[in-house]
């Protein structure tokens, strides 16, 4: 659906994006991540056609956006961080304006807008002025305008910023529904949002793509690369005493403990260097101390840990 080839963008002497290559398949929900100044916004602006690349090409559904910009942009529905809303129009007036602007055939506008209103659940506010809507409804109207014209590609920049937890859950479910019929590129600083919604993540740092994979695969690769295997345990016993026993096991490098979900239970996270299986050592030590192990299993890196691992240099530590 999207293909970037040797994509670069310079601002004077500053090379914001450095000859990156990426490919996003039809039907994927992609999380696009990067720290401030990493080149994420510049890349998204090039994908949408707002910025032209200094070098390289971008193809939207096989269309080169530099050679046929209007045809390429017809494939894109874009929701920027600040939705482009006309606050003094009603919801219906605004969507009709967007429909006309996007040159949707007149005989299709009514049915398409009815379908969009039902999908994003704004039918009950269709006659209200946009300026009087809540933040959540304004975000839904912004999503609605991105859907006008039935573009196969949706680019959503921080779609849940400023929303309350209930609204975030509603928008998350809506994005999942949209992903059934659209390719979605989702940019967000809320990492649990990306983890809960996206099939794959792209991480950009210092103008370069440093990761392109599922969170699960990245977690496995990074855990192996660091030479550290982590296990999470639930143990029946006092936290301080459990920690003392675990710290005496020579094959364990680090131990963190905390209160378990019930009184008398301890949650522990342990790690060991290399690929050695430490479960037998832990079992024997806990059995000897009469601290039953109720649960034990591998612990994957969180998306936050993956992000920090790939975007933090030694100088930053």
C-alpha atoms as a PDB file:
ATOM      1  CA  UNK A   1       0.000   0.000   0.000  1.00  0.00           C
ATOM      2  CA  UNK A   2       2.874   2.370   0.863  1.00  0.00           C
ATOM      3  CA  UNK A   3       6.426   1.988  -0.341  1.00  0.00           C
ATOM      4  CA  UNK A   4       9.247   4.363   0.474  1.00  0.00           C
ATOM      5  CA  UNK A   5      12.462   3.986  -1.507  1.00  0.00           C
ATOM      6  CA  UNK A   6      15.704   5.680  -0.473  1.00  0.00           C
ATOM      7  CA  UNK A   7      13.650   8.453   1.069  1.00  0.00           C
ATOM      8  CA  UNK A   8      15.523  11.529   2.327  1.00  0.00           C
ATOM      9  CA  UNK A   9      14.558  15.012   3.424  1.00  0.00           C
ATOM     10  CA  UNK A  10      17.003  17.819   4.146  1.00  0.00           C
ATOM     11  CA  UNK A  11      16.386  21.143   5.857  1.00  0.00           C
ATOM     12  CA  UNK A  12      19.442  23.131   4.862  1.00  0.00           C
ATOM     13  CA  UNK A  13      22.406  21.207   6.221  1.00  0.00           C
ATOM     14  CA  UNK A  14      20.236  19.126   8.529  1.00  0.00           C
ATOM     15  CA  UNK A  15      19.329  15.687   7.183  1.00  0.00           C
ATOM     16  CA  UNK A  16      16.054  14.955   8.951  1.00  0.00           C
ATOM     17  CA  UNK A  17      15.389  11.680   7.104  1.00  0.00           C
ATOM     18  CA  UNK A  18      18.250   9.574   5.761  1.00  0.00           C
ATOM     19  CA  UNK A  19      17.620   7.281   2.792  1.00  0.00           C
ATOM     20  CA  UNK A  20      15.012   5.135   4.501  1.00  0.00           C
ATOM     21  CA  UNK A  21      13.186   2.207   2.926  1.00  0.00           C
ATOM     22  CA  UNK A  22       9.891   0.772   4.184  1.00  0.00           C
ATOM     23  CA  UNK A  23       6.897  -1.161   2.894  1.00  0.00           C
ATOM     24  CA  UNK A  24       3.400  -1.232   4.378  1.00  0.00           C
ATOM     25  CA  UNK A  25       1.059  -3.926   3.114  1.00  0.00           C
ATOM     26  CA  UNK A  26      -2.657  -3.510   2.413  1.00  0.00           C
ATOM     27  CA  UNK A  27      -4.804  -4.243   5.440  1.00  0.00           C
ATOM     28  CA  UNK A  28      -2.094  -3.641   8.051  1.00  0.00           C
ATOM     29  CA  UNK A  29      -2.493  -1.421  11.102  1.00  0.00           C
ATOM     30  CA  UNK A  30       0.981   0.048  11.565  1.00  0.00           C
ATOM     31  CA  UNK A  31       2.245   1.920  14.595  1.00  0.00           C
ATOM     32  CA  UNK A  32       4.758   4.603  13.630  1.00  0.00           C
ATOM     33  CA  UNK A  33       6.977   5.612  16.547  1.00  0.00           C
ATOM     34  CA  UNK A  34       9.920   7.892  17.124  1.00  0.00           C
ATOM     35  CA  UNK A  35      11.242  10.336  19.729  1.00  0.00           C
ATOM     36  CA  UNK A  36      10.916  14.068  19.169  1.00  0.00           C
ATOM     37  CA  UNK A  37      13.191  15.195  16.344  1.00  0.00           C
ATOM     38  CA  UNK A  38      13.680  11.657  15.008  1.00  0.00           C
ATOM     39  CA  UNK A  39      12.107  12.368  11.600  1.00  0.00           C
ATOM     40  CA  UNK A  40       8.685  10.807  12.237  1.00  0.00           C
ATOM     41  CA  UNK A  41       6.587  13.882  11.468  1.00  0.00           C
ATOM     42  CA  UNK A  42       8.745  14.707   8.429  1.00  0.00           C
ATOM     43  CA  UNK A  43       8.228  11.186   7.088  1.00  0.00           C
ATOM     44  CA  UNK A  44       4.460  11.344   7.635  1.00  0.00           C
ATOM     45  CA  UNK A  45       4.340  14.717   5.873  1.00  0.00           C
ATOM     46  CA  UNK A  46       6.161  13.209   2.896  1.00  0.00           C
ATOM     47  CA  UNK A  47       3.757  10.250   2.792  1.00  0.00           C
ATOM     48  CA  UNK A  48       0.749  12.578   2.725  1.00  0.00           C
ATOM     49  CA  UNK A  49       2.340  14.772   0.051  1.00  0.00           C
ATOM     50  CA  UNK A  50       2.601  17.821   2.307  1.00  0.00           C
ATOM     51  CA  UNK A  51       6.399  17.766   1.946  1.00  0.00           C
ATOM     52  CA  UNK A  52       8.367  16.660  -1.089  1.00  0.00           C
ATOM     53  CA  UNK A  53      11.374  14.404  -0.422  1.00  0.00           C
ATOM     54  CA  UNK A  54      14.830  15.759  -1.189  1.00  0.00           C
ATOM     55  CA  UNK A  55      15.667  12.347  -2.641  1.00  0.00           C
ATOM     56  CA  UNK A  56      13.831   9.083  -3.196  1.00  0.00           C
ATOM     57  CA  UNK A  57      10.269   8.104  -4.044  1.00  0.00           C
ATOM     58  CA  UNK A  58       7.001   7.342  -2.310  1.00  0.00           C
ATOM     59  CA  UNK A  59       4.393   5.066  -3.871  1.00  0.00           C
ATOM     60  CA  UNK A  60       0.787   5.030  -2.621  1.00  0.00           C
ATOM     61  CA  UNK A  61      -0.981   1.940  -3.934  1.00  0.00           C
ATOM     62  CA  UNK A  62       1.546   1.858  -6.789  1.00  0.00           C
ATOM     63  CA  UNK A  63       1.175   5.579  -7.620  1.00  0.00           C
ATOM     64  CA  UNK A  64       4.283   7.757  -7.394  1.00  0.00           C
ATOM     65  CA  UNK A  65       3.189  10.729  -5.303  1.00  0.00           C
ATOM     66  CA  UNK A  66       5.730  12.993  -7.010  1.00  0.00           C
ATOM     67  CA  UNK A  67       4.620  12.104 -10.531  1.00  0.00           C
ATOM     68  CA  UNK A  68       0.852  11.950  -9.916  1.00  0.00           C
ATOM     69  CA  UNK A  69       0.224  13.803  -6.631  1.00  0.00           C
ATOM     70  CA  UNK A  70      -3.539  14.260  -7.069  1.00  0.00           C
ATOM     71  CA  UNK A  71      -4.150  10.596  -7.874  1.00  0.00           C
ATOM     72  CA  UNK A  72      -1.960   9.516  -4.954  1.00  0.00           C
ATOM     73  CA  UNK A  73      -3.658  11.828  -2.477  1.00  0.00           C
ATOM     74  CA  UNK A  74      -7.062  10.434  -3.421  1.00  0.00           C
ATOM     75  CA  UNK A  75      -5.898   7.193  -1.825  1.00  0.00           C
ATOM     76  CA  UNK A  76      -5.230   8.900   1.523  1.00  0.00           C
ATOM     77  CA  UNK A  77      -7.469   9.942   4.399  1.00  0.00           C
ATOM     78  CA  UNK A  78      -5.525  12.052   6.886  1.00  0.00           C
ATOM     79  CA  UNK A  79      -6.319  12.978  10.476  1.00  0.00           C
ATOM     80  CA  UNK A  80      -3.661  15.393  11.790  1.00  0.00           C
ATOM     81  CA  UNK A  81      -3.070  15.877  15.517  1.00  0.00           C
ATOM     82  CA  UNK A  82      -5.317  18.958  15.369  1.00  0.00           C
ATOM     83  CA  UNK A  83      -8.376  17.923  13.274  1.00  0.00           C
ATOM     84  CA  UNK A  84      -9.094  20.409  10.438  1.00  0.00           C
ATOM     85  CA  UNK A  85     -12.565  21.374  11.617  1.00  0.00           C
ATOM     86  CA  UNK A  86     -14.685  24.430  10.775  1.00  0.00           C
ATOM     87  CA  UNK A  87     -16.128  25.155  14.197  1.00  0.00           C
ATOM     88  CA  UNK A  88     -19.003  27.395  13.041  1.00  0.00           C
ATOM     89  CA  UNK A  89     -20.485  24.691  10.799  1.00  0.00           C
ATOM     90  CA  UNK A  90     -22.750  21.881  11.894  1.00  0.00           C
ATOM     91  CA  UNK A  91     -21.429  18.342  11.567  1.00  0.00           C
ATOM     92  CA  UNK A  92     -23.546  17.714   8.457  1.00  0.00           C
ATOM     93  CA  UNK A  93     -22.574  21.028   6.859  1.00  0.00           C
ATOM     94  CA  UNK A  94     -18.913  20.282   7.424  1.00  0.00           C
ATOM     95  CA  UNK A  95     -19.041  16.735   6.055  1.00  0.00           C
ATOM     96  CA  UNK A  96     -20.977  17.889   3.000  1.00  0.00           C
ATOM     97  CA  UNK A  97     -18.305  20.529   2.411  1.00  0.00           C
ATOM     98  CA  UNK A  98     -15.540  17.910   2.723  1.00  0.00           C
ATOM     99  CA  UNK A  99     -17.459  15.597   0.393  1.00  0.00           C
ATOM    100  CA  UNK A 100     -17.739  18.344  -2.213  1.00  0.00           C
ATOM    101  CA  UNK A 101     -14.081  19.320  -1.764  1.00  0.00           C
ATOM    102  CA  UNK A 102     -13.003  15.694  -2.314  1.00  0.00           C
ATOM    103  CA  UNK A 103     -15.188  15.537  -5.429  1.00  0.00           C
ATOM    104  CA  UNK A 104     -17.359  12.666  -4.268  1.00  0.00           C
ATOM    105  CA  UNK A 105     -20.053  12.170  -6.966  1.00  0.00           C
ATOM    106  CA  UNK A 106     -23.302  13.863  -5.932  1.00  0.00           C
ATOM    107  CA  UNK A 107     -25.355  10.693  -6.314  1.00  0.00           C
ATOM    108  CA  UNK A 108     -23.060   8.928  -3.801  1.00  0.00           C
ATOM    109  CA  UNK A 109     -22.703  11.601  -1.129  1.00  0.00           C
ATOM    110  CA  UNK A 110     -25.864  10.937   0.869  1.00  0.00           C
ATOM    111  CA  UNK A 111     -25.343   7.184   1.222  1.00  0.00           C
ATOM    112  CA  UNK A 112     -21.620   7.526   1.897  1.00  0.00           C
ATOM    113  CA  UNK A 113     -22.083  10.144   4.619  1.00  0.00           C
ATOM    114  CA  UNK A 114     -24.843   8.078   6.241  1.00  0.00           C
ATOM    115  CA  UNK A 115     -22.486   5.105   6.332  1.00  0.00           C
ATOM    116  CA  UNK A 116     -19.648   7.196   7.801  1.00  0.00           C
ATOM    117  CA  UNK A 117     -21.885   8.763  10.467  1.00  0.00           C
ATOM    118  CA  UNK A 118     -23.022   5.307  11.534  1.00  0.00           C
ATOM    119  CA  UNK A 119     -19.474   3.935  11.570  1.00  0.00           C
ATOM    120  CA  UNK A 120     -17.981   6.685  13.744  1.00  0.00           C
ATOM    121  CA  UNK A 121     -21.209   7.097  15.774  1.00  0.00           C
ATOM    122  CA  UNK A 122     -21.894  10.802  15.233  1.00  0.00           C
ATOM    123  CA  UNK A 123     -25.465  10.556  13.946  1.00  0.00           C
ATOM    124  CA  UNK A 124     -26.869  11.969  17.194  1.00  0.00           C
ATOM    125  CA  UNK A 125     -24.859  15.211  16.811  1.00  0.00           C
ATOM    126  CA  UNK A 126     -25.204  15.717  13.056  1.00  0.00           C
ATOM    127  CA  UNK A 127     -27.162  18.956  13.444  1.00  0.00           C
ATOM    128  CA  UNK A 128     -24.993  20.502  16.166  1.00  0.00           C
ATOM    129  CA  UNK A 129     -22.318  23.136  15.706  1.00  0.00           C
ATOM    130  CA  UNK A 130     -18.868  21.569  15.861  1.00  0.00           C
ATOM    131  CA  UNK A 131     -17.631  24.185  18.348  1.00  0.00           C
ATOM    132  CA  UNK A 132     -20.191  22.931  20.883  1.00  0.00           C
ATOM    133  CA  UNK A 133     -19.063  19.300  20.699  1.00  0.00           C
ATOM    134  CA  UNK A 134     -16.908  17.514  23.272  1.00  0.00           C
ATOM    135  CA  UNK A 135     -13.286  16.691  22.497  1.00  0.00           C
ATOM    136  CA  UNK A 136     -14.238  13.065  21.844  1.00  0.00           C
ATOM    137  CA  UNK A 137     -16.946  13.972  19.342  1.00  0.00           C
ATOM    138  CA  UNK A 138     -14.653  16.465  17.593  1.00  0.00           C
ATOM    139  CA  UNK A 139     -12.122  13.659  17.186  1.00  0.00           C
ATOM    140  CA  UNK A 140     -14.833  11.438  15.696  1.00  0.00           C
ATOM    141  CA  UNK A 141     -15.797  14.188  13.240  1.00  0.00           C
ATOM    142  CA  UNK A 142     -12.110  14.450  12.318  1.00  0.00           C
ATOM    143  CA  UNK A 143     -12.060  10.718  11.627  1.00  0.00           C
ATOM    144  CA  UNK A 144     -15.241  11.077   9.589  1.00  0.00           C
ATOM    145  CA  UNK A 145     -13.650  13.677   7.283  1.00  0.00           C
ATOM    146  CA  UNK A 146     -10.669  11.354   6.760  1.00  0.00           C
ATOM    147  CA  UNK A 147     -13.081   8.620   5.633  1.00  0.00           C
ATOM    148  CA  UNK A 148     -14.919  10.765   3.077  1.00  0.00           C
ATOM    149  CA  UNK A 149     -14.183   9.504  -0.425  1.00  0.00           C
ATOM    150  CA  UNK A 150     -13.469   5.948   0.826  1.00  0.00           C
ATOM    151  CA  UNK A 151      -9.647   6.200   0.754  1.00  0.00           C
ATOM    152  CA  UNK A 152      -7.922   2.818   1.146  1.00  0.00           C
ATOM    153  CA  UNK A 153      -5.184   4.381   3.334  1.00  0.00           C
ATOM    154  CA  UNK A 154      -5.777   6.204   6.631  1.00  0.00           C
ATOM    155  CA  UNK A 155      -3.006   8.161   8.362  1.00  0.00           C
ATOM    156  CA  UNK A 156      -3.885   9.070  11.939  1.00  0.00           C
ATOM    157  CA  UNK A 157      -1.572  11.359  13.910  1.00  0.00           C
ATOM    158  CA  UNK A 158      -2.146  11.172  17.689  1.00  0.00           C
ATOM    159  CA  UNK A 159      -5.865  10.283  17.313  1.00  0.00           C
ATOM    160  CA  UNK A 160      -6.445   9.864  21.080  1.00  0.00           C
ATOM    161  CA  UNK A 161      -4.533  12.883  22.401  1.00  0.00           C
ATOM    162  CA  UNK A 162      -6.502  14.777  25.043  1.00  0.00           C
ATOM    163  CA  UNK A 163      -9.247  12.150  25.366  1.00  0.00           C
ATOM    164  CA  UNK A 164     -10.439  10.604  28.615  1.00  0.00           C
ATOM    165  CA  UNK A 165      -9.974   6.838  29.228  1.00  0.00           C
ATOM    166  CA  UNK A 166     -13.499   5.947  28.040  1.00  0.00           C
ATOM    167  CA  UNK A 167     -13.069   7.976  24.838  1.00  0.00           C
ATOM    168  CA  UNK A 168      -9.643   6.404  24.237  1.00  0.00           C
ATOM    169  CA  UNK A 169     -11.151   2.909  24.410  1.00  0.00           C
ATOM    170  CA  UNK A 170     -13.929   3.947  22.001  1.00  0.00           C
ATOM    171  CA  UNK A 171     -11.468   5.409  19.460  1.00  0.00           C
ATOM    172  CA  UNK A 172      -9.211   2.343  19.815  1.00  0.00           C
ATOM    173  CA  UNK A 173     -12.100   0.020  18.964  1.00  0.00           C
ATOM    174  CA  UNK A 174     -13.074   2.272  16.070  1.00  0.00           C
ATOM    175  CA  UNK A 175      -9.531   2.126  14.657  1.00  0.00           C
ATOM    176  CA  UNK A 176      -9.613  -1.681  14.877  1.00  0.00           C
ATOM    177  CA  UNK A 177     -12.892  -1.669  12.942  1.00  0.00           C
ATOM    178  CA  UNK A 178     -11.413   0.679  10.334  1.00  0.00           C
ATOM    179  CA  UNK A 179      -8.486  -1.698   9.946  1.00  0.00           C
ATOM    180  CA  UNK A 180     -10.842  -4.345   8.573  1.00  0.00           C
ATOM    181  CA  UNK A 181     -11.293  -2.358   5.351  1.00  0.00           C
ATOM    182  CA  UNK A 182      -8.426   0.156   5.357  1.00  0.00           C
ATOM    183  CA  UNK A 183      -4.678   0.238   5.747  1.00  0.00           C
ATOM    184  CA  UNK A 184      -4.004   2.347   8.850  1.00  0.00           C
ATOM    185  CA  UNK A 185      -0.823   4.179   9.848  1.00  0.00           C
ATOM    186  CA  UNK A 186      -1.125   5.268  13.462  1.00  0.00           C
ATOM    187  CA  UNK A 187       1.273   7.671  15.137  1.00  0.00           C
ATOM    188  CA  UNK A 188       1.021   8.033  18.906  1.00  0.00           C
ATOM    189  CA  UNK A 189       3.099   8.762  21.990  1.00  0.00           C
ATOM    190  CA  UNK A 190       0.791   6.514  24.011  1.00  0.00           C
ATOM    191  CA  UNK A 191       2.707   3.252  23.674  1.00  0.00           C
ATOM    192  CA  UNK A 192       0.033   0.977  25.226  1.00  0.00           C
ATOM    193  CA  UNK A 193      -2.298   2.350  22.543  1.00  0.00           C
ATOM    194  CA  UNK A 194       0.071   1.204  19.801  1.00  0.00           C
ATOM    195  CA  UNK A 195       0.572  -2.171  21.461  1.00  0.00           C
ATOM    196  CA  UNK A 196      -3.181  -2.777  21.810  1.00  0.00           C
ATOM    197  CA  UNK A 197      -4.092  -1.662  18.294  1.00  0.00           C
ATOM    198  CA  UNK A 198      -1.301  -2.324  15.795  1.00  0.00           C
ATOM    199  CA  UNK A 199      -0.168  -5.438  13.932  1.00  0.00           C
ATOM    200  CA  UNK A 200       3.360  -4.128  13.400  1.00  0.00           C
ATOM    201  CA  UNK A 201       5.488  -1.171  14.463  1.00  0.00           C
ATOM    202  CA  UNK A 202       7.955   1.009  12.606  1.00  0.00           C
ATOM    203  CA  UNK A 203      10.441   2.874  14.789  1.00  0.00           C
ATOM    204  CA  UNK A 204      12.474   5.775  13.416  1.00  0.00           C
ATOM    205  CA  UNK A 205      15.440   7.313  15.210  1.00  0.00           C
ATOM    206  CA  UNK A 206      17.924   9.936  14.017  1.00  0.00           C
ATOM    207  CA  UNK A 207      16.259   9.896  10.596  1.00  0.00           C
ATOM    208  CA  UNK A 208      16.691   6.127  10.121  1.00  0.00           C
ATOM    209  CA  UNK A 209      14.324   3.155  10.430  1.00  0.00           C
ATOM    210  CA  UNK A 210      15.693   1.135  13.363  1.00  0.00           C
ATOM    211  CA  UNK A 211      12.901  -1.453  13.628  1.00  0.00           C
ATOM    212  CA  UNK A 212      10.074  -2.896  11.567  1.00  0.00           C
ATOM    213  CA  UNK A 213       8.363  -5.907  13.122  1.00  0.00           C
ATOM    214  CA  UNK A 214       5.664  -7.091  15.500  1.00  0.00           C
ATOM    215  CA  UNK A 215       6.140  -6.133  19.171  1.00  0.00           C
ATOM    216  CA  UNK A 216       6.391  -9.840  20.018  1.00  0.00           C
ATOM    217  CA  UNK A 217       9.192 -10.482  17.530  1.00  0.00           C
ATOM    218  CA  UNK A 218      11.082  -7.364  18.581  1.00  0.00           C
ATOM    219  CA  UNK A 219      10.812  -8.375  22.219  1.00  0.00           C
ATOM    220  CA  UNK A 220      12.255 -11.801  21.458  1.00  0.00           C
ATOM    221  CA  UNK A 221      15.075 -10.415  19.319  1.00  0.00           C
ATOM    222  CA  UNK A 222      16.068  -7.750  21.825  1.00  0.00           C
ATOM    223  CA  UNK A 223      15.908 -10.127  24.781  1.00  0.00           C
ATOM    224  CA  UNK A 224      18.220 -12.492  22.935  1.00  0.00           C
ATOM    225  CA  UNK A 225      20.536  -9.705  21.805  1.00  0.00           C
ATOM    226  CA  UNK A 226      20.931  -8.430  25.344  1.00  0.00           C
ATOM    227  CA  UNK A 227      21.888 -11.911  26.499  1.00  0.00           C
ATOM    228  CA  UNK A 228      19.345 -11.705  29.323  1.00  0.00           C
ATOM    229  CA  UNK A 229      16.443 -14.110  29.868  1.00  0.00           C
ATOM    230  CA  UNK A 230      13.745 -12.834  32.217  1.00  0.00           C
ATOM    231  CA  UNK A 231      11.239 -14.895  34.156  1.00  0.00           C
ATOM    232  CA  UNK A 232       8.235 -13.725  36.163  1.00  0.00           C
ATOM    233  CA  UNK A 233       7.272 -15.729  39.236  1.00  0.00           C
ATOM    234  CA  UNK A 234       4.426 -15.819  41.736  1.00  0.00           C
ATOM    235  CA  UNK A 235       5.671 -17.315  45.000  1.00  0.00           C
ATOM    236  CA  UNK A 236       3.966 -18.045  48.314  1.00  0.00           C
ATOM    237  CA  UNK A 237       6.134 -16.344  50.891  1.00  0.00           C
ATOM    238  CA  UNK A 238       7.329 -13.075  52.385  1.00  0.00           C
ATOM    239  CA  UNK A 239       8.738 -10.655  49.793  1.00  0.00           C
ATOM    240  CA  UNK A 240      11.999  -9.860  51.607  1.00  0.00           C
ATOM    241  CA  UNK A 241      12.711 -13.518  52.432  1.00  0.00           C
ATOM    242  CA  UNK A 242      11.900 -14.646  48.870  1.00  0.00           C
ATOM    243  CA  UNK A 243      14.244 -11.995  47.490  1.00  0.00           C
ATOM    244  CA  UNK A 244      17.013 -13.096  49.852  1.00  0.00           C
ATOM    245  CA  UNK A 245      16.759 -16.692  48.632  1.00  0.00           C
ATOM    246  CA  UNK A 246      16.706 -15.716  44.964  1.00  0.00           C
ATOM    247  CA  UNK A 247      19.731 -13.430  45.331  1.00  0.00           C
ATOM    248  CA  UNK A 248      21.783 -16.372  46.621  1.00  0.00           C
ATOM    249  CA  UNK A 249      21.275 -18.330  43.363  1.00  0.00           C
ATOM    250  CA  UNK A 250      24.528 -17.847  41.448  1.00  0.00           C
ATOM    251  CA  UNK A 251      22.930 -18.127  37.997  1.00  0.00           C
ATOM    252  CA  UNK A 252      20.626 -15.143  38.650  1.00  0.00           C
ATOM    253  CA  UNK A 253      21.895 -11.649  37.870  1.00  0.00           C
ATOM    254  CA  UNK A 254      19.007  -9.398  38.957  1.00  0.00           C
ATOM    255  CA  UNK A 255      16.005  -9.785  41.238  1.00  0.00           C
ATOM    256  CA  UNK A 256      13.074  -7.458  41.795  1.00  0.00           C
ATOM    257  CA  UNK A 257      10.178  -8.353  44.071  1.00  0.00           C
ATOM    258  CA  UNK A 258       6.860  -6.851  45.068  1.00  0.00           C
ATOM    259  CA  UNK A 259       3.555  -7.690  46.655  1.00  0.00           C
ATOM    260  CA  UNK A 260       1.446 -10.302  44.902  1.00  0.00           C
ATOM    261  CA  UNK A 261      -2.272 -10.140  44.077  1.00  0.00           C
ATOM    262  CA  UNK A 262      -3.150 -11.701  47.479  1.00  0.00           C
ATOM    263  CA  UNK A 263      -1.758 -11.490  50.994  1.00  0.00           C
ATOM    264  CA  UNK A 264       1.200 -13.769  51.516  1.00  0.00           C
ATOM    265  CA  UNK A 265       2.147 -13.867  47.829  1.00  0.00           C
ATOM    266  CA  UNK A 266       5.211 -12.306  46.199  1.00  0.00           C
ATOM    267  CA  UNK A 267       5.716 -11.362  42.578  1.00  0.00           C
ATOM    268  CA  UNK A 268       9.334 -11.591  41.429  1.00  0.00           C
ATOM    269  CA  UNK A 269      11.114 -10.815  38.172  1.00  0.00           C
ATOM    270  CA  UNK A 270      14.502 -12.445  37.719  1.00  0.00           C
ATOM    271  CA  UNK A 271      17.046 -12.344  34.913  1.00  0.00           C
ATOM    272  CA  UNK A 272      20.125 -14.355  34.042  1.00  0.00           C
ATOM    273  CA  UNK A 273      22.805 -13.719  31.451  1.00  0.00           C
ATOM    274  CA  UNK A 274      23.294 -16.015  28.491  1.00  0.00           C
ATOM    275  CA  UNK A 275      20.850 -18.697  27.390  1.00  0.00           C
ATOM    276  CA  UNK A 276      20.981 -20.867  30.509  1.00  0.00           C
ATOM    277  CA  UNK A 277      17.620 -22.184  31.728  1.00  0.00           C
ATOM    278  CA  UNK A 278      17.450 -21.038  35.348  1.00  0.00           C
ATOM    279  CA  UNK A 279      14.081 -22.545  36.194  1.00  0.00           C
ATOM    280  CA  UNK A 280      15.507 -25.710  37.782  1.00  0.00           C
ATOM    281  CA  UNK A 281      17.866 -23.711  40.010  1.00  0.00           C
ATOM    282  CA  UNK A 282      14.963 -21.536  41.143  1.00  0.00           C
ATOM    283  CA  UNK A 283      12.705 -24.534  41.784  1.00  0.00           C
ATOM    284  CA  UNK A 284      15.300 -26.278  43.962  1.00  0.00           C
ATOM    285  CA  UNK A 285      16.073 -23.127  45.979  1.00  0.00           C
ATOM    286  CA  UNK A 286      12.423 -22.302  46.594  1.00  0.00           C
ATOM    287  CA  UNK A 287      11.571 -25.903  47.495  1.00  0.00           C
ATOM    288  CA  UNK A 288      14.493 -26.006  49.960  1.00  0.00           C
ATOM    289  CA  UNK A 289      13.262 -22.784  51.596  1.00  0.00           C
ATOM    290  CA  UNK A 290       9.648 -24.070  51.636  1.00  0.00           C
ATOM    291  CA  UNK A 291       8.381 -21.238  49.401  1.00  0.00           C
ATOM    292  CA  UNK A 292       6.004 -22.827  46.831  1.00  0.00           C
ATOM    293  CA  UNK A 293       6.154 -21.474  43.265  1.00  0.00           C
ATOM    294  CA  UNK A 294       2.600 -20.919  42.067  1.00  0.00           C
ATOM    295  CA  UNK A 295       3.455 -19.504  38.623  1.00  0.00           C
ATOM    296  CA  UNK A 296       6.565 -19.098  36.493  1.00  0.00           C
ATOM    297  CA  UNK A 297       6.946 -17.980  32.889  1.00  0.00           C
ATOM    298  CA  UNK A 298       9.046 -15.904  30.480  1.00  0.00           C
ATOM    299  CA  UNK A 299       8.568 -12.155  30.564  1.00  0.00           C
ATOM    300  CA  UNK A 300       8.592 -10.276  27.260  1.00  0.00           C
ATOM    301  CA  UNK A 301       9.927  -6.762  26.934  1.00  0.00           C
ATOM    302  CA  UNK A 302       7.196  -4.128  27.005  1.00  0.00           C
ATOM    303  CA  UNK A 303       6.778  -1.814  24.036  1.00  0.00           C
ATOM    304  CA  UNK A 304       8.172   1.000  26.202  1.00  0.00           C
ATOM    305  CA  UNK A 305      11.314  -1.049  26.881  1.00  0.00           C
ATOM    306  CA  UNK A 306      11.648  -1.898  23.180  1.00  0.00           C
ATOM    307  CA  UNK A 307      11.264   1.772  22.229  1.00  0.00           C
ATOM    308  CA  UNK A 308      13.844   2.956  24.777  1.00  0.00           C
ATOM    309  CA  UNK A 309      16.239   0.167  23.826  1.00  0.00           C
ATOM    310  CA  UNK A 310      16.179   1.188  20.159  1.00  0.00           C
ATOM    311  CA  UNK A 311      16.140   4.980  20.558  1.00  0.00           C
ATOM    312  CA  UNK A 312      18.441   5.635  23.531  1.00  0.00           C
ATOM    313  CA  UNK A 313      22.150   5.939  22.832  1.00  0.00           C
ATOM    314  CA  UNK A 314      24.853   5.266  25.406  1.00  0.00           C
ATOM    315  CA  UNK A 315      25.457   9.020  25.665  1.00  0.00           C
ATOM    316  CA  UNK A 316      21.824   9.468  26.778  1.00  0.00           C
ATOM    317  CA  UNK A 317      22.101   6.972  29.626  1.00  0.00           C
END
